[in-house]
Amino acid sequence: MRVLIETAFIVSGLVASVVIAWLAAWSYPLGKDDIWLVAYGAMVIIVLMGIGPLRRAYAQDRERLHGTNKENARG
């Protein structure tokens, strides 16, 4: 479930970036190429920033699914 939530955060960030870039490119056609270049860079950063939380969420979901607990495993 956590993985789904983190994925939704990443997707919502990408959608917001596209909407903002589209509106900016529409309002300033002369800078359309530059606006989209910056937007693509922002989208890459959004995905890169989401990898860490996504990996942690995957580990937590996997622990919960398999019933393993780190506290019990330490002995």
Protein backbone atom coordinates (compact mmCIF):
# COMPACT_ATOMS: atom_id res chain seq x y z
CA MET A 1 0.00 0.00 0.00
CA ARG A 2 2.86 2.36 0.82
CA VAL A 3 4.39 1.74 -2.59
CA LEU A 4 1.13 2.74 -4.24
CA ILE A 5 1.01 5.95 -2.22
CA GLU A 6 4.62 6.87 -3.06
CA THR A 7 3.99 6.08 -6.73
CA ALA A 8 0.92 8.32 -6.64
CA PHE A 9 3.06 11.14 -5.21
CA ILE A 10 5.57 10.77 -8.03
CA VAL A 11 2.86 10.64 -10.68
CA SER A 12 1.07 13.67 -9.22
CA GLY A 13 4.36 15.60 -9.29
CA LEU A 14 4.89 14.68 -12.92
CA VAL A 15 1.33 15.65 -13.83
CA ALA A 16 1.72 18.99 -12.04
CA SER A 17 4.97 19.62 -13.91
CA VAL A 18 3.32 18.92 -17.25
CA VAL A 19 0.37 21.19 -16.47
CA ILE A 20 2.59 24.03 -15.30
CA ALA A 21 4.90 23.67 -18.32
CA TRP A 22 1.99 23.49 -20.73
CA LEU A 23 0.43 26.63 -19.27
CA ALA A 24 3.75 28.44 -19.27
CA ALA A 25 4.50 27.43 -22.87
CA TRP A 26 1.01 28.47 -23.91
CA SER A 27 1.36 31.88 -22.28
CA TYR A 28 4.86 32.54 -23.64
CA PRO A 29 5.23 30.83 -27.05
CA LEU A 30 8.66 32.35 -27.75
CA GLY A 31 10.16 30.44 -24.83
CA LYS A 32 8.31 27.20 -25.46
CA ASP A 33 11.44 25.11 -26.08
CA ASP A 34 13.24 26.46 -23.03
CA ILE A 35 10.18 26.01 -20.83
CA TRP A 36 9.84 22.36 -21.85
CA LEU A 37 13.57 21.78 -21.37
CA VAL A 38 13.35 23.02 -17.79
CA ALA A 39 10.15 21.02 -17.26
CA TYR A 40 11.83 17.81 -18.44
CA GLY A 41 14.70 18.49 -16.06
CA ALA A 42 12.23 19.02 -13.22
CA MET A 43 10.49 15.76 -14.09
CA VAL A 44 13.77 13.87 -13.93
CA ILE A 45 14.50 15.42 -10.55
CA ILE A 46 11.02 14.51 -9.29
CA VAL A 47 11.57 10.87 -10.25
CA LEU A 48 15.05 10.80 -8.72
CA MET A 49 13.78 12.33 -5.48
CA GLY A 50 11.01 9.74 -5.34
CA ILE A 51 13.29 6.71 -5.61
CA GLY A 52 14.44 6.78 -1.96
CA PRO A 53 10.98 6.98 -0.42
CA LEU A 54 9.75 4.39 -2.91
CA ARG A 55 12.50 1.95 -1.90
CA ARG A 56 11.74 2.47 1.81
CA ALA A 57 8.04 1.96 1.20
CA TYR A 58 8.76 -1.24 -0.74
CA ALA A 59 10.91 -2.57 2.12
CA GLN A 60 8.20 -1.76 4.68
CA ASP A 61 5.49 -3.38 2.58
CA ARG A 62 7.65 -6.46 2.02
CA GLU A 63 8.30 -6.78 5.75
CA ARG A 64 4.62 -6.47 6.52
CA LEU A 65 3.64 -8.94 3.79
CA HIS A 66 6.12 -11.60 4.88
CA GLY A 67 5.54 -11.03 8.58
CA THR A 68 9.18 -10.37 9.37
CA ASN A 69 10.06 -7.85 11.98
CA LYS A 70 13.53 -6.37 12.37
CA GLU A 71 13.17 -6.17 16.15
CA ASN A 72 12.51 -9.92 16.42
CA ALA A 73 15.26 -10.78 13.96
CA ARG A 74 17.93 -9.09 16.05
CA GLY A 75 17.43 -11.64 18.74
